[in-house]
Amino acid sequence: MLSVLKHKVSSLFYTSKSGFTLQKLMVILAMINALTQVAFGRIHNEAAYKVSSTVAIFTFINQIALVLTAVSLMRLNEKRKYYIFSVLLFLLTTTIMIVYIVLMHSDIYYQTALNGGYSYEDSIKIVYAIDDSVNFIILALVFGFIEIGMFIAEIIIRRREAHGLSNQGGN
C-alpha cells in the first residue's frame, strides 16, 4: 500500500519523458484554489444582502482568473506565451484578493455591524460571513504564493535543462 502511494505521489513530480516537473502539482493546487473560491463565493453570498454589491464583481473576476490560471499552467509545455499568461494571471488574482480584503474590512456595513449598528443577529451574520470570506481569501493567497514559488522553481528547472546547467540537458 505504501509503495503504491509513493509511486502515485512521485509520478506527480517525475515523468520518464520530461524528468522532474512541478507542473502537475501546480495545476492540482490551482484547481483546488479555484474550487475553494467557489465555496468562498457561497459564504460571501450569505451576507451579500448587506455588503456592497461591487464585491460580488471582484469574486466573480477572481474565480474566472483562478480557473484561467489553472488552464494556463496546464499548457506551459505548448508555447512560451503561456508563461506570460500565467504571470499576468498570478498578478491579477493576487491584486484582486488583496483589494478584496481591504474593501471588506473597510466596508461601511461591516464597520456598522462591528460597532453594533444592526440587530445582534444581523451583526453576527455579517461579521462572521465577511470574516469567513476573508479567511478563504487568505487561504487562496497562501495557495497562490505556493503556486508562484513552484512556478519559479519550474522555470529554473526547465532553464537548467535547456541550457546545460544540470546533468539532464544541454549537451
N, C-alpha and C. Protein backbone atom coordinates (compact mmCIF):
# COMPACT_ATOMS: atom_id res chain seq x y z
N MET A 1 0.82 -1.19 0.00
CA MET A 1 0.00 0.00 0.00
C MET A 1 0.87 1.26 0.00
N LEU A 2 1.89 1.27 0.84
CA LEU A 2 2.78 2.43 0.92
C LEU A 2 3.56 2.63 -0.37
N SER A 3 3.99 1.54 -1.00
CA SER A 3 4.74 1.67 -2.25
C SER A 3 3.85 2.20 -3.39
N VAL A 4 2.56 1.81 -3.39
CA VAL A 4 1.64 2.31 -4.40
C VAL A 4 1.44 3.82 -4.22
N LEU A 5 1.26 4.25 -2.98
CA LEU A 5 1.10 5.68 -2.69
C LEU A 5 2.36 6.45 -3.06
N LYS A 6 3.52 5.88 -2.74
CA LYS A 6 4.79 6.51 -3.07
C LYS A 6 4.94 6.67 -4.59
N HIS A 7 4.54 5.63 -5.35
CA HIS A 7 4.62 5.68 -6.81
C HIS A 7 3.68 6.75 -7.37
N LYS A 8 2.46 6.83 -6.82
CA LYS A 8 1.49 7.82 -7.31
C LYS A 8 1.95 9.25 -7.03
N VAL A 9 2.47 9.48 -5.84
CA VAL A 9 2.94 10.82 -5.49
C VAL A 9 4.19 11.18 -6.29
N SER A 10 5.10 10.24 -6.46
CA SER A 10 6.32 10.55 -7.21
C SER A 10 6.03 10.81 -8.68
N SER A 11 4.95 10.22 -9.22
CA SER A 11 4.63 10.47 -10.62
C SER A 11 4.14 11.89 -10.85
N LEU A 12 3.74 12.59 -9.79
CA LEU A 12 3.39 13.99 -9.93
C LEU A 12 4.62 14.84 -10.24
N PHE A 13 5.76 14.43 -9.72
CA PHE A 13 6.97 15.23 -9.85
C PHE A 13 7.92 14.74 -10.94
N TYR A 14 7.90 13.46 -11.25
CA TYR A 14 8.89 12.93 -12.17
C TYR A 14 8.20 12.05 -13.21
N THR A 15 8.44 12.37 -14.47
CA THR A 15 7.96 11.51 -15.56
C THR A 15 9.16 11.11 -16.40
N SER A 16 9.07 9.96 -17.01
CA SER A 16 10.21 9.47 -17.79
C SER A 16 10.44 10.32 -19.04
N LYS A 17 9.40 10.99 -19.54
CA LYS A 17 9.55 11.80 -20.74
C LYS A 17 10.25 13.13 -20.46
N SER A 18 9.86 13.79 -19.37
CA SER A 18 10.39 15.13 -19.16
C SER A 18 11.23 15.29 -17.90
N GLY A 19 11.36 14.26 -17.11
CA GLY A 19 12.14 14.38 -15.89
C GLY A 19 11.33 15.02 -14.78
N PHE A 20 12.01 15.72 -13.92
CA PHE A 20 11.37 16.36 -12.77
C PHE A 20 10.51 17.53 -13.22
N THR A 21 9.26 17.57 -12.77
CA THR A 21 8.36 18.67 -13.14
C THR A 21 7.41 18.97 -11.99
N LEU A 22 7.13 20.22 -11.79
CA LEU A 22 6.16 20.65 -10.79
C LEU A 22 4.83 21.03 -11.42
N GLN A 23 4.74 20.91 -12.73
CA GLN A 23 3.57 21.40 -13.45
C GLN A 23 2.28 20.72 -12.98
N LYS A 24 2.29 19.41 -12.85
CA LYS A 24 1.07 18.71 -12.44
C LYS A 24 0.62 19.15 -11.05
N LEU A 25 1.58 19.28 -10.14
CA LEU A 25 1.25 19.71 -8.79
C LEU A 25 0.71 21.14 -8.79
N MET A 26 1.28 22.02 -9.62
CA MET A 26 0.78 23.39 -9.72
C MET A 26 -0.65 23.41 -10.23
N VAL A 27 -0.95 22.59 -11.22
CA VAL A 27 -2.31 22.54 -11.79
C VAL A 27 -3.29 22.03 -10.74
N ILE A 28 -2.91 21.00 -10.01
CA ILE A 28 -3.79 20.46 -8.98
C ILE A 28 -4.04 21.52 -7.91
N LEU A 29 -3.01 22.19 -7.47
CA LEU A 29 -3.16 23.23 -6.46
C LEU A 29 -4.00 24.40 -6.98
N ALA A 30 -3.81 24.76 -8.24
CA ALA A 30 -4.61 25.84 -8.84
C ALA A 30 -6.08 25.47 -8.91
N MET A 31 -6.37 24.22 -9.24
CA MET A 31 -7.77 23.79 -9.29
C MET A 31 -8.38 23.73 -7.89
N ILE A 32 -7.63 23.28 -6.90
CA ILE A 32 -8.11 23.29 -5.52
C ILE A 32 -8.40 24.72 -5.09
N ASN A 33 -7.51 25.63 -5.47
CA ASN A 33 -7.70 27.04 -5.14
C ASN A 33 -8.97 27.59 -5.79
N ALA A 34 -9.20 27.25 -7.04
CA ALA A 34 -10.40 27.72 -7.73
C ALA A 34 -11.66 27.15 -7.07
N LEU A 35 -11.62 25.88 -6.67
CA LEU A 35 -12.79 25.28 -6.01
C LEU A 35 -13.05 25.89 -4.64
N THR A 36 -11.99 26.20 -3.89
CA THR A 36 -12.21 26.85 -2.60
C THR A 36 -12.79 28.24 -2.78
N GLN A 37 -12.47 28.88 -3.88
CA GLN A 37 -13.04 30.21 -4.12
C GLN A 37 -14.50 30.14 -4.52
N VAL A 38 -14.93 29.03 -5.08
CA VAL A 38 -16.36 28.83 -5.32
C VAL A 38 -17.08 28.72 -3.97
N ALA A 39 -16.48 27.98 -3.04
CA ALA A 39 -17.04 27.90 -1.68
C ALA A 39 -17.01 29.27 -1.02
N PHE A 40 -15.97 30.03 -1.26
CA PHE A 40 -15.87 31.38 -0.73
C PHE A 40 -17.01 32.25 -1.25
N GLY A 41 -17.31 32.12 -2.53
CA GLY A 41 -18.41 32.90 -3.11
C GLY A 41 -19.73 32.56 -2.45
N ARG A 42 -19.91 31.31 -2.12
CA ARG A 42 -21.13 30.87 -1.43
C ARG A 42 -21.22 31.50 -0.04
N ILE A 43 -20.11 31.51 0.69
CA ILE A 43 -20.09 32.11 2.03
C ILE A 43 -20.32 33.61 1.94
N HIS A 44 -19.70 34.25 0.96
CA HIS A 44 -19.88 35.69 0.83
C HIS A 44 -21.34 36.03 0.52
N ASN A 45 -22.01 35.21 -0.26
CA ASN A 45 -23.39 35.49 -0.63
C ASN A 45 -24.34 35.41 0.55
N GLU A 46 -23.92 34.76 1.64
CA GLU A 46 -24.77 34.72 2.82
C GLU A 46 -24.97 36.11 3.41
N ALA A 47 -23.98 36.96 3.27
CA ALA A 47 -24.09 38.32 3.82
C ALA A 47 -24.26 39.36 2.73
N ALA A 48 -24.48 38.93 1.50
CA ALA A 48 -24.48 39.86 0.37
C ALA A 48 -25.65 40.84 0.42
N TYR A 49 -26.69 40.53 1.16
CA TYR A 49 -27.81 41.45 1.20
C TYR A 49 -27.46 42.74 1.95
N LYS A 50 -26.38 42.72 2.72
CA LYS A 50 -25.95 43.92 3.45
C LYS A 50 -24.64 44.50 2.91
N VAL A 51 -23.82 43.66 2.29
CA VAL A 51 -22.48 44.08 1.88
C VAL A 51 -22.55 44.67 0.47
N SER A 52 -21.65 45.60 0.19
CA SER A 52 -21.69 46.29 -1.10
C SER A 52 -21.63 45.31 -2.27
N SER A 53 -22.39 45.60 -3.31
CA SER A 53 -22.53 44.67 -4.43
C SER A 53 -21.30 44.64 -5.32
N THR A 54 -20.44 45.65 -5.27
CA THR A 54 -19.25 45.64 -6.13
C THR A 54 -18.32 44.49 -5.75
N VAL A 55 -18.40 44.01 -4.52
CA VAL A 55 -17.55 42.91 -4.09
C VAL A 55 -17.89 41.65 -4.85
N ALA A 56 -19.14 41.45 -5.22
CA ALA A 56 -19.53 40.27 -5.99
C ALA A 56 -18.81 40.25 -7.34
N ILE A 57 -18.58 41.42 -7.91
CA ILE A 57 -17.85 41.50 -9.18
C ILE A 57 -16.41 41.04 -8.97
N PHE A 58 -15.79 41.45 -7.87
CA PHE A 58 -14.43 41.01 -7.57
C PHE A 58 -14.36 39.51 -7.41
N THR A 59 -15.34 38.92 -6.72
CA THR A 59 -15.31 37.47 -6.51
C THR A 59 -15.46 36.73 -7.83
N PHE A 60 -16.34 37.23 -8.70
CA PHE A 60 -16.54 36.58 -10.00
C PHE A 60 -15.28 36.66 -10.85
N ILE A 61 -14.68 37.84 -10.92
CA ILE A 61 -13.45 38.02 -11.71
C ILE A 61 -12.34 37.14 -11.15
N ASN A 62 -12.25 37.06 -9.82
CA ASN A 62 -11.22 36.25 -9.18
C ASN A 62 -11.41 34.77 -9.51
N GLN A 63 -12.64 34.28 -9.46
CA GLN A 63 -12.88 32.87 -9.77
C GLN A 63 -12.54 32.56 -11.22
N ILE A 64 -12.92 33.44 -12.13
CA ILE A 64 -12.57 33.24 -13.55
C ILE A 64 -11.06 33.26 -13.74
N ALA A 65 -10.38 34.22 -13.10
CA ALA A 65 -8.93 34.33 -13.24
C ALA A 65 -8.22 33.11 -12.66
N LEU A 66 -8.73 32.55 -11.56
CA LEU A 66 -8.12 31.35 -10.98
C LEU A 66 -8.28 30.14 -11.90
N VAL A 67 -9.43 30.01 -12.52
CA VAL A 67 -9.63 28.90 -13.47
C VAL A 67 -8.71 29.09 -14.68
N LEU A 68 -8.61 30.32 -15.19
CA LEU A 68 -7.71 30.58 -16.32
C LEU A 68 -6.25 30.33 -15.95
N THR A 69 -5.88 30.63 -14.70
CA THR A 69 -4.52 30.34 -14.25
C THR A 69 -4.25 28.85 -14.32
N ALA A 70 -5.19 28.05 -13.85
CA ALA A 70 -5.02 26.59 -13.89
C ALA A 70 -4.89 26.11 -15.34
N VAL A 71 -5.71 26.65 -16.23
CA VAL A 71 -5.63 26.26 -17.65
C VAL A 71 -4.30 26.69 -18.25
N SER A 72 -3.85 27.89 -17.91
CA SER A 72 -2.58 28.38 -18.43
C SER A 72 -1.42 27.52 -17.93
N LEU A 73 -1.48 27.11 -16.66
CA LEU A 73 -0.43 26.24 -16.13
C LEU A 73 -0.44 24.87 -16.81
N MET A 74 -1.62 24.40 -17.21
CA MET A 74 -1.71 23.11 -17.91
C MET A 74 -1.00 23.17 -19.26
N ARG A 75 -0.98 24.34 -19.86
CA ARG A 75 -0.48 24.45 -21.22
C ARG A 75 0.94 25.01 -21.30
N LEU A 76 1.67 24.99 -20.19
CA LEU A 76 3.03 25.54 -20.18
C LEU A 76 3.94 24.88 -21.20
N ASN A 77 3.73 23.61 -21.47
CA ASN A 77 4.61 22.89 -22.40
C ASN A 77 4.39 23.28 -23.85
N GLU A 78 3.27 23.92 -24.17
CA GLU A 78 2.94 24.17 -25.56
C GLU A 78 3.66 25.38 -26.15
N LYS A 79 3.52 26.54 -25.51
CA LYS A 79 4.12 27.76 -26.05
C LYS A 79 4.62 28.63 -24.92
N ARG A 80 5.56 29.50 -25.24
CA ARG A 80 6.12 30.41 -24.24
C ARG A 80 5.11 31.46 -23.78
N LYS A 81 4.13 31.76 -24.61
CA LYS A 81 3.18 32.79 -24.23
C LYS A 81 2.39 32.40 -22.99
N TYR A 82 2.31 31.10 -22.70
CA TYR A 82 1.58 30.68 -21.50
C TYR A 82 2.34 31.01 -20.23
N TYR A 83 3.65 31.19 -20.31
CA TYR A 83 4.41 31.70 -19.17
C TYR A 83 3.94 33.13 -18.85
N ILE A 84 3.81 33.92 -19.90
CA ILE A 84 3.38 35.31 -19.72
C ILE A 84 1.96 35.35 -19.20
N PHE A 85 1.07 34.52 -19.78
CA PHE A 85 -0.31 34.48 -19.30
C PHE A 85 -0.36 34.08 -17.83
N SER A 86 0.44 33.11 -17.45
CA SER A 86 0.45 32.66 -16.05
C SER A 86 0.90 33.77 -15.12
N VAL A 87 1.94 34.48 -15.50
CA VAL A 87 2.44 35.57 -14.66
C VAL A 87 1.38 36.67 -14.53
N LEU A 88 0.77 37.03 -15.65
CA LEU A 88 -0.26 38.07 -15.61
C LEU A 88 -1.46 37.64 -14.76
N LEU A 89 -1.85 36.38 -14.88
CA LEU A 89 -2.98 35.89 -14.09
C LEU A 89 -2.62 35.78 -12.61
N PHE A 90 -1.38 35.40 -12.29
CA PHE A 90 -0.95 35.40 -10.89
C PHE A 90 -1.04 36.83 -10.32
N LEU A 91 -0.55 37.79 -11.09
CA LEU A 91 -0.61 39.19 -10.63
C LEU A 91 -2.04 39.66 -10.47
N LEU A 92 -2.90 39.33 -11.43
CA LEU A 92 -4.30 39.74 -11.37
C LEU A 92 -5.00 39.14 -10.15
N THR A 93 -4.85 37.85 -9.94
CA THR A 93 -5.55 37.21 -8.82
C THR A 93 -5.02 37.72 -7.48
N THR A 94 -3.71 37.89 -7.36
CA THR A 94 -3.15 38.38 -6.10
C THR A 94 -3.65 39.80 -5.81
N THR A 95 -3.67 40.65 -6.83
CA THR A 95 -4.16 42.01 -6.66
C THR A 95 -5.63 42.03 -6.27
N ILE A 96 -6.44 41.23 -6.95
CA ILE A 96 -7.87 41.18 -6.64
C ILE A 96 -8.09 40.72 -5.21
N MET A 97 -7.33 39.72 -4.77
CA MET A 97 -7.51 39.21 -3.41
C MET A 97 -7.14 40.25 -2.37
N ILE A 98 -6.06 40.97 -2.60
CA ILE A 98 -5.65 41.99 -1.64
C ILE A 98 -6.66 43.14 -1.63
N VAL A 99 -7.14 43.55 -2.79
CA VAL A 99 -8.16 44.60 -2.87
C VAL A 99 -9.43 44.14 -2.16
N TYR A 100 -9.80 42.88 -2.33
CA TYR A 100 -10.99 42.36 -1.67
C TYR A 100 -10.87 42.46 -0.15
N ILE A 101 -9.72 42.06 0.39
CA ILE A 101 -9.53 42.11 1.84
C ILE A 101 -9.64 43.55 2.33
N VAL A 102 -9.03 44.48 1.62
CA VAL A 102 -9.10 45.88 2.02
C VAL A 102 -10.53 46.39 1.93
N LEU A 103 -11.22 46.07 0.83
CA LEU A 103 -12.60 46.52 0.68
C LEU A 103 -13.52 45.97 1.77
N MET A 104 -13.33 44.70 2.09
CA MET A 104 -14.23 44.10 3.07
C MET A 104 -14.00 44.65 4.46
N HIS A 105 -12.77 44.89 4.82
CA HIS A 105 -12.51 45.40 6.17
C HIS A 105 -12.86 46.89 6.30
N SER A 106 -12.97 47.58 5.18
CA SER A 106 -13.36 48.98 5.25
C SER A 106 -14.80 49.21 4.82
N ASP A 107 -15.54 48.14 4.53
CA ASP A 107 -16.93 48.24 4.10
C ASP A 107 -17.77 48.87 5.21
N ILE A 108 -18.63 49.80 4.83
CA ILE A 108 -19.43 50.54 5.81
C ILE A 108 -20.39 49.62 6.57
N TYR A 109 -20.95 48.64 5.88
CA TYR A 109 -21.88 47.72 6.55
C TYR A 109 -21.14 46.83 7.55
N TYR A 110 -19.94 46.41 7.19
CA TYR A 110 -19.13 45.61 8.10
C TYR A 110 -18.74 46.42 9.33
N GLN A 111 -18.31 47.66 9.10
CA GLN A 111 -17.94 48.52 10.22
C GLN A 111 -19.15 48.82 11.11
N THR A 112 -20.31 49.04 10.49
CA THR A 112 -21.52 49.29 11.27
C THR A 112 -21.89 48.06 12.09
N ALA A 113 -21.74 46.88 11.50
CA ALA A 113 -22.05 45.64 12.23
C ALA A 113 -21.09 45.45 13.39
N LEU A 114 -19.82 45.78 13.18
CA LEU A 114 -18.84 45.68 14.28
C LEU A 114 -19.16 46.63 15.42
N ASN A 115 -19.68 47.79 15.07
CA ASN A 115 -19.99 48.80 16.08
C ASN A 115 -21.38 48.63 16.68
N GLY A 116 -22.10 47.60 16.28
CA GLY A 116 -23.41 47.33 16.86
C GLY A 116 -24.53 48.16 16.28
N GLY A 117 -24.40 48.59 15.06
CA GLY A 117 -25.42 49.42 14.42
C GLY A 117 -26.63 48.64 13.92
N TYR A 118 -26.52 47.33 13.88
CA TYR A 118 -27.63 46.49 13.45
C TYR A 118 -28.09 45.64 14.62
N SER A 119 -29.14 44.88 14.38
CA SER A 119 -29.56 43.95 15.42
C SER A 119 -28.46 42.91 15.63
N TYR A 120 -28.47 42.32 16.79
CA TYR A 120 -27.41 41.36 17.13
C TYR A 120 -27.33 40.24 16.11
N GLU A 121 -28.46 39.72 15.70
CA GLU A 121 -28.49 38.60 14.74
C GLU A 121 -27.91 39.00 13.39
N ASP A 122 -28.31 40.17 12.89
CA ASP A 122 -27.77 40.64 11.61
C ASP A 122 -26.27 40.94 11.71
N SER A 123 -25.86 41.54 12.82
CA SER A 123 -24.44 41.85 13.01
C SER A 123 -23.60 40.59 13.01
N ILE A 124 -24.05 39.57 13.71
CA ILE A 124 -23.33 38.29 13.75
C ILE A 124 -23.22 37.68 12.36
N LYS A 125 -24.32 37.68 11.61
CA LYS A 125 -24.30 37.12 10.25
C LYS A 125 -23.29 37.85 9.37
N ILE A 126 -23.34 39.17 9.42
CA ILE A 126 -22.46 39.96 8.56
C ILE A 126 -21.00 39.77 8.96
N VAL A 127 -20.71 39.91 10.23
CA VAL A 127 -19.32 39.82 10.68
C VAL A 127 -18.73 38.44 10.42
N TYR A 128 -19.46 37.39 10.77
CA TYR A 128 -18.92 36.05 10.55
C TYR A 128 -18.82 35.69 9.07
N ALA A 129 -19.78 36.09 8.28
CA ALA A 129 -19.71 35.80 6.84
C ALA A 129 -18.52 36.52 6.20
N ILE A 130 -18.31 37.77 6.58
CA ILE A 130 -17.20 38.51 5.99
C ILE A 130 -15.87 37.98 6.51
N ASP A 131 -15.79 37.70 7.80
CA ASP A 131 -14.55 37.14 8.34
C ASP A 131 -14.24 35.78 7.72
N ASP A 132 -15.25 34.95 7.52
CA ASP A 132 -15.02 33.66 6.86
C ASP A 132 -14.57 33.85 5.42
N SER A 133 -15.19 34.80 4.72
CA SER A 133 -14.78 35.02 3.33
C SER A 133 -13.36 35.57 3.25
N VAL A 134 -12.98 36.43 4.20
CA VAL A 134 -11.60 36.94 4.22
C VAL A 134 -10.63 35.80 4.54
N ASN A 135 -11.03 34.88 5.41
CA ASN A 135 -10.17 33.72 5.69
C ASN A 135 -9.98 32.86 4.45
N PHE A 136 -11.04 32.68 3.65
CA PHE A 136 -10.90 31.94 2.40
C PHE A 136 -9.96 32.67 1.43
N ILE A 137 -10.04 33.99 1.40
CA ILE A 137 -9.14 34.75 0.53
C ILE A 137 -7.70 34.62 1.00
N ILE A 138 -7.49 34.65 2.31
CA ILE A 138 -6.12 34.47 2.84
C ILE A 138 -5.61 33.08 2.48
N LEU A 139 -6.46 32.06 2.57
CA LEU A 139 -6.08 30.71 2.14
C LEU A 139 -5.72 30.70 0.66
N ALA A 140 -6.50 31.41 -0.15
CA ALA A 140 -6.21 31.49 -1.58
C ALA A 140 -4.89 32.21 -1.83
N LEU A 141 -4.59 33.24 -1.04
CA LEU A 141 -3.30 33.93 -1.18
C LEU A 141 -2.15 33.00 -0.84
N VAL A 142 -2.31 32.20 0.20
CA VAL A 142 -1.26 31.24 0.57
C VAL A 142 -1.06 30.24 -0.56
N PHE A 143 -2.16 29.68 -1.09
CA PHE A 143 -2.06 28.77 -2.22
C PHE A 143 -1.40 29.47 -3.41
N GLY A 144 -1.78 30.71 -3.66
CA GLY A 144 -1.21 31.46 -4.77
C GLY A 144 0.29 31.66 -4.63
N PHE A 145 0.75 31.99 -3.41
CA PHE A 145 2.19 32.17 -3.21
C PHE A 145 2.94 30.85 -3.34
N ILE A 146 2.32 29.76 -2.92
CA ILE A 146 2.94 28.44 -3.11
C ILE A 146 3.03 28.13 -4.61
N GLU A 147 1.96 28.42 -5.35
CA GLU A 147 1.97 28.20 -6.80
C GLU A 147 3.03 29.06 -7.47
N ILE A 148 3.16 30.31 -7.04
CA ILE A 148 4.18 31.19 -7.62
C ILE A 148 5.57 30.64 -7.35
N GLY A 149 5.81 30.16 -6.14
CA GLY A 149 7.10 29.56 -5.81
C GLY A 149 7.40 28.34 -6.68
N MET A 150 6.38 27.48 -6.85
CA MET A 150 6.57 26.30 -7.71
C MET A 150 6.75 26.70 -9.16
N PHE A 151 6.06 27.76 -9.60
CA PHE A 151 6.20 28.25 -10.97
C PHE A 151 7.62 28.73 -11.22
N ILE A 152 8.17 29.49 -10.27
CA ILE A 152 9.55 29.96 -10.40
C ILE A 152 10.52 28.78 -10.40
N ALA A 153 10.27 27.80 -9.51
CA ALA A 153 11.13 26.61 -9.48
C ALA A 153 11.05 25.84 -10.80
N GLU A 154 9.86 25.75 -11.36
CA GLU A 154 9.69 25.05 -12.65
C GLU A 154 10.44 25.77 -13.76
N ILE A 155 10.39 27.09 -13.77
CA ILE A 155 11.12 27.86 -14.78
C ILE A 155 12.62 27.62 -14.63
N ILE A 156 13.11 27.62 -13.39
CA ILE A 156 14.53 27.39 -13.15
C ILE A 156 14.92 25.99 -13.61
N ILE A 157 14.11 24.99 -13.29
CA ILE A 157 14.40 23.61 -13.70
C ILE A 157 14.44 23.50 -15.22
N ARG A 158 13.46 24.07 -15.89
CA ARG A 158 13.42 24.00 -17.36
C ARG A 158 14.58 24.76 -17.99
N ARG A 159 14.94 25.88 -17.41
CA ARG A 159 16.05 26.66 -17.94
C ARG A 159 17.37 25.90 -17.79
N ARG A 160 17.54 25.27 -16.64
CA ARG A 160 18.77 24.49 -16.42
C ARG A 160 18.85 23.33 -17.39
N GLU A 161 17.73 22.66 -17.62
CA GLU A 161 17.73 21.54 -18.56
C GLU A 161 18.02 22.01 -19.98
N ALA A 162 17.48 23.17 -20.35
CA ALA A 162 17.65 23.68 -21.72
C ALA A 162 19.05 24.21 -21.97
N HIS A 163 19.68 24.77 -20.95
CA HIS A 163 20.98 25.41 -21.14
C HIS A 163 22.14 24.62 -20.59
N GLY A 164 21.92 23.39 -20.21
CA GLY A 164 23.01 22.54 -19.79
C GLY A 164 23.57 22.85 -18.42
N LEU A 165 22.78 23.44 -17.56
CA LEU A 165 23.25 23.75 -16.23
C LEU A 165 22.92 22.64 -15.24
N SER A 166 22.41 21.54 -15.76
CA SER A 166 22.18 20.37 -14.92
C SER A 166 22.69 19.14 -15.66
N ASN A 167 22.66 18.01 -15.02
CA ASN A 167 23.16 16.79 -15.67
C ASN A 167 22.20 16.21 -16.69
N GLN A 168 21.01 16.83 -16.85
CA GLN A 168 20.00 16.25 -17.74
C GLN A 168 19.94 16.86 -19.11
N GLY A 169 20.49 18.03 -19.33
CA GLY A 169 20.26 18.64 -20.62
C GLY A 169 21.45 19.43 -21.13
N GLY A 170 21.22 20.02 -22.28
CA GLY A 170 22.16 20.93 -22.91
C GLY A 170 23.53 20.38 -23.20
N ASN A 171 23.66 19.51 -24.13
CA ASN A 171 24.97 18.95 -24.46
C ASN A 171 25.81 19.88 -25.26
